[in-house]
Protein backbone atom coordinates (compact mmCIF):
# COMPACT_ATOMS: atom_id res chain seq x y z
CA MET A 1 -19.75 4.48 8.46
CA TRP A 2 -20.06 2.12 5.46
CA ASN A 3 -19.89 5.12 2.97
CA ASP A 4 -16.51 6.03 4.65
CA LEU A 5 -15.15 2.57 4.31
CA LEU A 6 -16.23 2.35 0.67
CA LEU A 7 -14.52 5.64 0.13
CA ALA A 8 -11.41 4.48 1.71
CA PHE A 9 -11.38 1.23 -0.35
CA GLY A 10 -11.80 3.17 -3.49
CA LEU A 11 -8.82 5.38 -2.55
CA VAL A 12 -6.71 2.38 -1.95
CA MET A 13 -7.46 0.92 -5.27
CA ILE A 14 -6.79 4.19 -6.95
CA LEU A 15 -3.41 4.44 -5.20
CA GLU A 16 -2.47 0.86 -5.87
CA GLY A 17 -3.23 1.21 -9.56
CA LEU A 18 -1.16 4.34 -10.09
CA MET A 19 2.33 2.56 -10.16
CA PRO A 20 1.42 -0.06 -12.75
CA ALA A 21 -0.49 2.55 -14.82
CA ILE A 22 2.40 5.07 -14.81
CA SER A 23 5.29 2.67 -15.04
CA PRO A 24 4.62 -0.99 -15.74
CA HIS A 25 8.22 -1.95 -16.09
CA GLY A 26 9.22 -0.21 -12.92
CA TRP A 27 6.28 -1.71 -11.09
CA ARG A 28 7.24 -5.21 -12.23
CA GLU A 29 10.87 -4.75 -11.19
CA ALA A 30 9.72 -3.45 -7.69
CA VAL A 31 7.48 -6.45 -7.34
CA ASP A 32 10.22 -8.87 -8.42
CA GLN A 33 12.61 -7.32 -5.84
CA LEU A 34 9.91 -7.65 -3.17
CA GLY A 35 9.51 -11.30 -4.07
CA ARG A 36 13.21 -11.88 -3.40
CA LEU A 37 13.15 -10.42 0.09
CA PRO A 38 12.96 -12.63 3.05
CA ASP A 39 9.57 -12.96 4.71
CA ARG A 40 10.88 -11.16 7.88
CA SER A 41 11.61 -8.02 5.87
CA VAL A 42 8.38 -8.08 3.95
CA ARG A 43 6.46 -8.38 7.28
CA ARG A 44 8.48 -5.45 8.88
CA VAL A 45 7.41 -3.34 5.80
CA GLY A 46 3.88 -4.39 6.14
CA VAL A 47 3.66 -3.59 9.86
CA ALA A 48 5.38 -0.19 9.39
CA LEU A 49 2.80 0.63 6.71
CA ILE A 50 0.01 -0.37 8.96
CA LEU A 51 1.36 1.74 11.79
CA LEU A 52 1.88 4.73 9.43
CA GLY A 53 -1.58 4.32 8.01
CA ALA A 54 -3.17 4.12 11.55
CA LEU A 55 -1.18 7.29 12.43
CA VAL A 56 -2.33 9.20 9.32
CA PHE A 57 -5.97 7.99 9.90
CA HIS A 58 -5.76 9.19 13.59
CA LEU A 59 -4.36 12.46 12.69
CA ALA A 60 -7.00 13.07 9.99
CA ARG A 61 -9.85 12.26 12.37
């Protein structure tokens, strides 16, 4: 189980690093735009990503 958790964490770090590595300027603009959104919108996106991730995880298992 711990091995799977470490693998998942490593994959998340790889995916999180792709955008700033490929397009630093675009990544900065996206983060800037995200910072201007109201908290409610950011929270909705976060919840949607959690649900989508849980669904992908469930289907993969």
